[in-house]
N, C-alpha and C. Protein backbone atom coordinates (compact mmCIF):
# COMPACT_ATOMS: atom_id res chain seq x y z
N UNK A 1 5.79 -0.04 -20.37
CA UNK A 1 4.87 0.09 -19.25
C UNK A 1 5.62 0.35 -17.95
N UNK A 2 6.71 -0.35 -17.73
CA UNK A 2 7.37 -0.27 -16.42
C UNK A 2 8.08 1.05 -16.20
N UNK A 3 8.52 1.72 -17.25
CA UNK A 3 9.11 3.04 -17.09
C UNK A 3 8.06 4.02 -16.58
N UNK A 4 6.87 3.96 -17.15
CA UNK A 4 5.79 4.83 -16.69
C UNK A 4 5.40 4.49 -15.26
N UNK A 5 5.35 3.21 -14.92
CA UNK A 5 5.00 2.81 -13.55
C UNK A 5 6.03 3.33 -12.55
N UNK A 6 7.30 3.35 -12.92
CA UNK A 6 8.32 3.89 -12.02
C UNK A 6 8.11 5.37 -11.78
N UNK A 7 7.73 6.09 -12.81
CA UNK A 7 7.45 7.53 -12.66
C UNK A 7 6.22 7.75 -11.78
N UNK A 8 5.20 6.95 -12.01
CA UNK A 8 4.00 7.04 -11.17
C UNK A 8 4.34 6.72 -9.72
N UNK A 9 5.14 5.69 -9.52
CA UNK A 9 5.55 5.30 -8.17
C UNK A 9 6.30 6.43 -7.48
N UNK A 10 7.23 7.07 -8.17
CA UNK A 10 7.98 8.17 -7.58
C UNK A 10 7.04 9.30 -7.16
N UNK A 11 6.13 9.69 -8.05
CA UNK A 11 5.17 10.75 -7.72
C UNK A 11 4.30 10.36 -6.54
N UNK A 12 3.88 9.12 -6.50
CA UNK A 12 3.04 8.63 -5.41
C UNK A 12 3.80 8.64 -4.09
N UNK A 13 5.06 8.24 -4.11
CA UNK A 13 5.86 8.26 -2.88
C UNK A 13 6.06 9.68 -2.38
N UNK A 14 6.24 10.63 -3.27
CA UNK A 14 6.35 12.04 -2.86
C UNK A 14 5.04 12.50 -2.22
N UNK A 15 3.91 12.16 -2.85
CA UNK A 15 2.61 12.52 -2.30
C UNK A 15 2.41 11.91 -0.91
N UNK A 16 2.74 10.64 -0.75
CA UNK A 16 2.59 9.97 0.55
C UNK A 16 3.48 10.63 1.59
N UNK A 17 4.70 10.98 1.22
CA UNK A 17 5.60 11.67 2.14
C UNK A 17 5.00 12.99 2.60
N UNK A 18 4.48 13.76 1.68
CA UNK A 18 3.86 15.05 2.02
C UNK A 18 2.67 14.83 2.95
N UNK A 19 1.83 13.84 2.64
CA UNK A 19 0.67 13.55 3.49
C UNK A 19 1.09 13.11 4.89
N UNK A 20 2.13 12.30 5.00
CA UNK A 20 2.62 11.89 6.32
C UNK A 20 3.22 13.07 7.08
N UNK A 21 3.93 13.95 6.40
CA UNK A 21 4.48 15.14 7.06
C UNK A 21 3.35 16.05 7.55
N UNK A 22 2.31 16.22 6.75
CA UNK A 22 1.16 17.00 7.20
C UNK A 22 0.50 16.35 8.40
N UNK A 23 0.42 15.03 8.38
CA UNK A 23 -0.15 14.30 9.51
C UNK A 23 0.68 14.52 10.78
N UNK A 24 2.00 14.45 10.64
CA UNK A 24 2.87 14.64 11.80
C UNK A 24 2.73 16.05 12.37
N UNK A 25 2.53 17.01 11.52
CA UNK A 25 2.43 18.41 11.96
C UNK A 25 1.07 18.73 12.55
N UNK A 26 0.00 18.23 11.92
CA UNK A 26 -1.36 18.63 12.31
C UNK A 26 -2.20 17.50 12.92
N UNK A 27 -1.61 16.33 13.14
CA UNK A 27 -2.31 15.19 13.76
C UNK A 27 -3.60 14.84 12.99
N UNK A 28 -3.50 14.79 11.68
CA UNK A 28 -4.68 14.60 10.85
C UNK A 28 -5.31 13.22 11.00
N UNK A 29 -4.51 12.20 11.30
CA UNK A 29 -5.12 10.87 11.48
C UNK A 29 -5.97 10.82 12.75
N UNK A 30 -5.76 11.76 13.66
CA UNK A 30 -6.55 11.82 14.88
C UNK A 30 -7.76 12.74 14.74
N UNK A 31 -7.69 13.70 13.82
CA UNK A 31 -8.76 14.70 13.72
C UNK A 31 -9.63 14.56 12.46
N UNK A 32 -9.13 13.93 11.43
CA UNK A 32 -9.90 13.73 10.20
C UNK A 32 -10.11 12.23 10.05
N UNK A 33 -11.34 11.76 10.19
CA UNK A 33 -11.62 10.33 10.31
C UNK A 33 -11.16 9.53 9.10
N UNK A 34 -11.14 10.11 7.92
CA UNK A 34 -10.81 9.36 6.71
C UNK A 34 -9.34 9.47 6.30
N UNK A 35 -8.56 10.27 7.00
CA UNK A 35 -7.18 10.52 6.59
C UNK A 35 -6.33 9.24 6.62
N UNK A 36 -6.50 8.46 7.65
CA UNK A 36 -5.76 7.19 7.77
C UNK A 36 -6.13 6.24 6.64
N UNK A 37 -7.39 6.25 6.23
CA UNK A 37 -7.84 5.40 5.13
C UNK A 37 -7.11 5.78 3.85
N UNK A 38 -7.04 7.08 3.57
CA UNK A 38 -6.37 7.56 2.36
C UNK A 38 -4.89 7.16 2.39
N UNK A 39 -4.24 7.34 3.54
CA UNK A 39 -2.83 6.98 3.65
C UNK A 39 -2.61 5.50 3.39
N UNK A 40 -3.44 4.66 3.97
CA UNK A 40 -3.27 3.22 3.77
C UNK A 40 -3.60 2.79 2.34
N UNK A 41 -4.61 3.39 1.74
CA UNK A 41 -4.94 3.05 0.36
C UNK A 41 -3.81 3.45 -0.58
N UNK A 42 -3.31 4.68 -0.45
CA UNK A 42 -2.20 5.13 -1.30
C UNK A 42 -0.93 4.32 -1.02
N UNK A 43 -0.69 4.01 0.24
CA UNK A 43 0.48 3.20 0.58
C UNK A 43 0.35 1.79 0.01
N UNK A 44 -0.86 1.25 0.01
CA UNK A 44 -1.09 -0.06 -0.60
C UNK A 44 -0.81 -0.04 -2.09
N UNK A 45 -1.18 1.05 -2.75
CA UNK A 45 -0.89 1.18 -4.18
C UNK A 45 0.63 1.26 -4.38
N UNK A 46 1.30 2.07 -3.56
CA UNK A 46 2.76 2.22 -3.70
C UNK A 46 3.47 0.89 -3.45
N UNK A 47 3.09 0.18 -2.40
CA UNK A 47 3.71 -1.11 -2.10
C UNK A 47 3.41 -2.10 -3.23
N UNK A 48 2.19 -2.09 -3.73
CA UNK A 48 1.84 -2.97 -4.84
C UNK A 48 2.69 -2.70 -6.07
N UNK A 49 2.92 -1.42 -6.38
CA UNK A 49 3.77 -1.06 -7.51
C UNK A 49 5.21 -1.52 -7.29
N UNK A 50 5.71 -1.34 -6.08
CA UNK A 50 7.08 -1.77 -5.77
C UNK A 50 7.20 -3.28 -5.94
N UNK A 51 6.25 -4.02 -5.43
CA UNK A 51 6.28 -5.48 -5.55
C UNK A 51 6.21 -5.89 -7.02
N UNK A 52 5.32 -5.29 -7.77
CA UNK A 52 5.20 -5.61 -9.19
C UNK A 52 6.50 -5.32 -9.93
N UNK A 53 7.08 -4.17 -9.69
CA UNK A 53 8.32 -3.81 -10.37
C UNK A 53 9.48 -4.70 -9.95
N UNK A 54 9.56 -5.03 -8.65
CA UNK A 54 10.64 -5.91 -8.18
C UNK A 54 10.52 -7.31 -8.79
N UNK A 55 9.32 -7.86 -8.78
CA UNK A 55 9.15 -9.20 -9.35
C UNK A 55 9.44 -9.20 -10.85
N UNK A 56 9.06 -8.14 -11.54
CA UNK A 56 9.34 -8.06 -12.96
C UNK A 56 10.84 -7.98 -13.18
N UNK A 57 11.53 -7.21 -12.36
CA UNK A 57 12.98 -7.05 -12.51
C UNK A 57 13.72 -8.33 -12.12
N UNK A 58 13.36 -8.93 -11.00
CA UNK A 58 14.05 -10.12 -10.50
C UNK A 58 13.84 -11.31 -11.42
N UNK A 59 12.58 -11.54 -11.83
CA UNK A 59 12.26 -12.72 -12.62
C UNK A 59 12.17 -12.44 -14.11
N UNK A 60 12.31 -11.17 -14.48
CA UNK A 60 12.31 -10.76 -15.89
C UNK A 60 11.09 -11.31 -16.63
N UNK A 61 9.94 -11.17 -15.97
CA UNK A 61 8.70 -11.65 -16.55
C UNK A 61 7.84 -10.45 -16.88
N UNK A 62 7.55 -10.25 -18.14
CA UNK A 62 6.73 -9.12 -18.56
C UNK A 62 5.25 -9.49 -18.64
N UNK A 63 4.95 -10.76 -18.89
CA UNK A 63 3.56 -11.17 -19.05
C UNK A 63 3.26 -12.32 -18.10
N UNK A 64 2.37 -12.06 -17.15
CA UNK A 64 1.89 -13.08 -16.24
C UNK A 64 0.39 -13.19 -16.40
N UNK A 65 -0.16 -14.26 -15.90
CA UNK A 65 -1.62 -14.36 -15.90
C UNK A 65 -2.16 -13.35 -14.89
N UNK A 66 -3.40 -12.97 -15.08
CA UNK A 66 -4.05 -12.02 -14.16
C UNK A 66 -4.06 -12.59 -12.74
N UNK A 67 -4.26 -13.88 -12.61
CA UNK A 67 -4.33 -14.49 -11.28
C UNK A 67 -2.98 -14.43 -10.57
N UNK A 68 -1.93 -14.74 -11.28
CA UNK A 68 -0.60 -14.71 -10.68
C UNK A 68 -0.22 -13.28 -10.29
N UNK A 69 -0.47 -12.34 -11.17
CA UNK A 69 -0.14 -10.95 -10.89
C UNK A 69 -0.88 -10.45 -9.66
N UNK A 70 -2.19 -10.64 -9.65
CA UNK A 70 -3.00 -10.17 -8.52
C UNK A 70 -2.59 -10.88 -7.23
N UNK A 71 -2.37 -12.18 -7.29
CA UNK A 71 -1.99 -12.94 -6.09
C UNK A 71 -0.67 -12.44 -5.52
N UNK A 72 0.33 -12.27 -6.36
CA UNK A 72 1.63 -11.82 -5.88
C UNK A 72 1.55 -10.42 -5.29
N UNK A 73 0.89 -9.52 -5.99
CA UNK A 73 0.80 -8.14 -5.52
C UNK A 73 -0.03 -8.04 -4.24
N UNK A 74 -1.17 -8.70 -4.21
CA UNK A 74 -2.04 -8.62 -3.03
C UNK A 74 -1.38 -9.29 -1.81
N UNK A 75 -0.83 -10.47 -1.99
CA UNK A 75 -0.18 -11.14 -0.85
C UNK A 75 1.04 -10.34 -0.36
N UNK A 76 1.81 -9.82 -1.30
CA UNK A 76 2.96 -9.00 -0.90
C UNK A 76 2.54 -7.76 -0.15
N UNK A 77 1.47 -7.11 -0.62
CA UNK A 77 0.97 -5.92 0.06
C UNK A 77 0.44 -6.26 1.44
N UNK A 78 -0.23 -7.38 1.57
CA UNK A 78 -0.73 -7.82 2.87
C UNK A 78 0.43 -8.07 3.83
N UNK A 79 1.46 -8.74 3.38
CA UNK A 79 2.62 -9.01 4.24
C UNK A 79 3.26 -7.71 4.71
N UNK A 80 3.46 -6.77 3.80
CA UNK A 80 4.05 -5.48 4.17
C UNK A 80 3.13 -4.76 5.16
N UNK A 81 1.82 -4.80 4.92
CA UNK A 81 0.87 -4.17 5.83
C UNK A 81 0.92 -4.78 7.23
N UNK A 82 1.04 -6.08 7.31
CA UNK A 82 1.15 -6.75 8.61
C UNK A 82 2.43 -6.32 9.32
N UNK A 83 3.53 -6.28 8.56
CA UNK A 83 4.78 -5.82 9.17
C UNK A 83 4.67 -4.37 9.64
N UNK A 84 3.94 -3.54 8.91
CA UNK A 84 3.75 -2.15 9.33
C UNK A 84 2.98 -2.09 10.65
N UNK A 85 1.96 -2.90 10.78
CA UNK A 85 1.18 -2.92 12.02
C UNK A 85 2.03 -3.41 13.19
N UNK A 86 2.88 -4.40 12.96
CA UNK A 86 3.80 -4.88 13.99
C UNK A 86 4.78 -3.77 14.36
N UNK A 87 5.28 -3.05 13.38
CA UNK A 87 6.18 -1.91 13.60
C UNK A 87 5.51 -0.87 14.51
N UNK A 88 4.24 -0.55 14.25
CA UNK A 88 3.53 0.42 15.07
C UNK A 88 3.44 -0.03 16.53
N UNK A 89 3.16 -1.31 16.74
CA UNK A 89 3.08 -1.83 18.11
C UNK A 89 4.46 -1.84 18.77
N UNK A 90 5.45 -2.32 18.05
CA UNK A 90 6.81 -2.45 18.60
C UNK A 90 7.37 -1.10 19.04
N UNK A 91 7.14 -0.07 18.25
CA UNK A 91 7.69 1.24 18.58
C UNK A 91 6.71 2.13 19.35
N UNK A 92 5.62 1.55 19.84
CA UNK A 92 4.70 2.28 20.69
C UNK A 92 3.92 3.38 19.99
N UNK A 93 3.65 3.19 18.71
CA UNK A 93 2.90 4.20 17.96
C UNK A 93 1.39 4.06 18.16
N UNK A 94 0.98 3.02 18.89
CA UNK A 94 -0.42 2.83 19.24
C UNK A 94 -0.51 2.79 20.75
N UNK A 95 -1.62 3.28 21.27
CA UNK A 95 -1.72 3.37 22.73
C UNK A 95 -2.00 2.02 23.38
N UNK A 96 -2.90 1.26 22.83
CA UNK A 96 -3.21 -0.05 23.38
C UNK A 96 -3.62 -0.97 22.24
N UNK A 97 -2.97 -2.09 22.15
CA UNK A 97 -3.25 -2.98 21.03
C UNK A 97 -4.16 -4.15 21.39
N UNK A 98 -4.78 -4.09 22.55
CA UNK A 98 -5.69 -5.18 22.91
C UNK A 98 -7.14 -4.72 22.96
N UNK A 99 -7.41 -3.49 22.58
CA UNK A 99 -8.78 -2.99 22.62
C UNK A 99 -9.52 -3.31 21.33
N UNK A 100 -10.83 -3.35 21.38
CA UNK A 100 -11.61 -3.57 20.15
C UNK A 100 -11.37 -2.46 19.11
N UNK A 101 -11.15 -1.23 19.57
CA UNK A 101 -10.90 -0.14 18.63
C UNK A 101 -9.61 -0.39 17.85
N UNK A 102 -8.57 -0.86 18.53
CA UNK A 102 -7.30 -1.13 17.85
C UNK A 102 -7.48 -2.26 16.84
N UNK A 103 -8.18 -3.29 17.24
CA UNK A 103 -8.39 -4.44 16.35
C UNK A 103 -9.17 -4.00 15.11
N UNK A 104 -10.21 -3.19 15.30
CA UNK A 104 -10.98 -2.68 14.16
C UNK A 104 -10.12 -1.78 13.28
N UNK A 105 -9.32 -0.92 13.88
CA UNK A 105 -8.46 -0.02 13.12
C UNK A 105 -7.43 -0.81 12.32
N UNK A 106 -6.84 -1.80 12.95
CA UNK A 106 -5.84 -2.63 12.26
C UNK A 106 -6.47 -3.39 11.10
N UNK A 107 -7.64 -3.96 11.33
CA UNK A 107 -8.33 -4.68 10.26
C UNK A 107 -8.64 -3.72 9.11
N UNK A 108 -9.12 -2.54 9.43
CA UNK A 108 -9.41 -1.54 8.39
C UNK A 108 -8.14 -1.15 7.64
N UNK A 109 -7.05 -0.92 8.37
CA UNK A 109 -5.77 -0.57 7.73
C UNK A 109 -5.35 -1.65 6.73
N UNK A 110 -5.43 -2.90 7.15
CA UNK A 110 -5.02 -4.00 6.28
C UNK A 110 -5.94 -4.14 5.07
N UNK A 111 -7.23 -3.92 5.26
CA UNK A 111 -8.17 -3.99 4.14
C UNK A 111 -7.81 -2.93 3.10
N UNK A 112 -7.52 -1.70 3.54
CA UNK A 112 -7.20 -0.65 2.57
C UNK A 112 -5.82 -0.84 1.95
N UNK A 113 -4.88 -1.40 2.70
CA UNK A 113 -3.59 -1.77 2.10
C UNK A 113 -3.80 -2.75 0.95
N UNK A 114 -4.58 -3.79 1.23
CA UNK A 114 -4.83 -4.84 0.24
C UNK A 114 -5.63 -4.30 -0.94
N UNK A 115 -6.59 -3.42 -0.69
CA UNK A 115 -7.34 -2.83 -1.80
C UNK A 115 -6.42 -2.03 -2.73
N UNK A 116 -5.45 -1.33 -2.14
CA UNK A 116 -4.47 -0.63 -2.96
C UNK A 116 -3.67 -1.59 -3.82
N UNK A 117 -3.22 -2.70 -3.23
CA UNK A 117 -2.49 -3.71 -3.97
C UNK A 117 -3.35 -4.37 -5.04
N UNK A 118 -4.61 -4.62 -4.71
CA UNK A 118 -5.53 -5.22 -5.67
C UNK A 118 -5.73 -4.29 -6.87
N UNK A 119 -5.86 -3.01 -6.61
CA UNK A 119 -5.99 -2.03 -7.69
C UNK A 119 -4.78 -2.11 -8.63
N UNK A 120 -3.59 -2.19 -8.06
CA UNK A 120 -2.38 -2.27 -8.88
C UNK A 120 -2.39 -3.52 -9.75
N UNK A 121 -2.68 -4.66 -9.15
CA UNK A 121 -2.70 -5.91 -9.91
C UNK A 121 -3.71 -5.89 -11.04
N UNK A 122 -4.91 -5.43 -10.75
CA UNK A 122 -5.95 -5.41 -11.78
C UNK A 122 -5.67 -4.34 -12.83
N UNK A 123 -5.23 -3.17 -12.41
CA UNK A 123 -4.97 -2.08 -13.34
C UNK A 123 -3.86 -2.43 -14.32
N UNK A 124 -2.77 -2.96 -13.79
CA UNK A 124 -1.64 -3.24 -14.68
C UNK A 124 -1.96 -4.37 -15.66
N UNK A 125 -2.82 -5.29 -15.28
CA UNK A 125 -3.19 -6.35 -16.21
C UNK A 125 -4.18 -5.84 -17.25
N UNK A 126 -5.07 -4.95 -16.85
CA UNK A 126 -6.06 -4.46 -17.81
C UNK A 126 -5.49 -3.41 -18.76
N UNK A 127 -4.67 -2.52 -18.23
CA UNK A 127 -4.17 -1.41 -19.04
C UNK A 127 -2.67 -1.46 -19.28
N UNK A 128 -2.05 -2.56 -18.92
CA UNK A 128 -0.60 -2.66 -18.99
C UNK A 128 0.00 -2.39 -20.35
N UNK A 129 -0.62 -2.82 -21.38
CA UNK A 129 -0.06 -2.62 -22.72
C UNK A 129 -0.22 -1.19 -23.19
N UNK A 130 -1.12 -0.42 -22.57
CA UNK A 130 -1.33 0.96 -22.95
C UNK A 130 -0.47 1.92 -22.15
N UNK A 131 0.05 1.48 -20.98
CA UNK A 131 0.82 2.39 -20.14
C UNK A 131 2.29 2.30 -20.39
């Protein structure tokens, strides 16, 4: 299963890179309302896969309960998402971080990050033996 997940992760990272490069060139997160959602959802999946693969490699655990898998992947994805939002503020990638729009955008970003991680946790537990 984990060899296939590594291949999926590599393809997903390439896709995310291409989408971010298109965004940088054409300002798609500013002009296409759903583009940021797609980026955060796909990034949440990628981060979830990285966390799953790292924990499997570090702890050499192939079989965990569904609750443990989902909890680790979702919490890890949330932490990475929070650090990403802090990174955006620190490097001035957002215009104002005290407005209601920023707060709503950040909350939405974190929700889609976590949904991506949740998908990874649930998918790998349901279909893990087949992949």
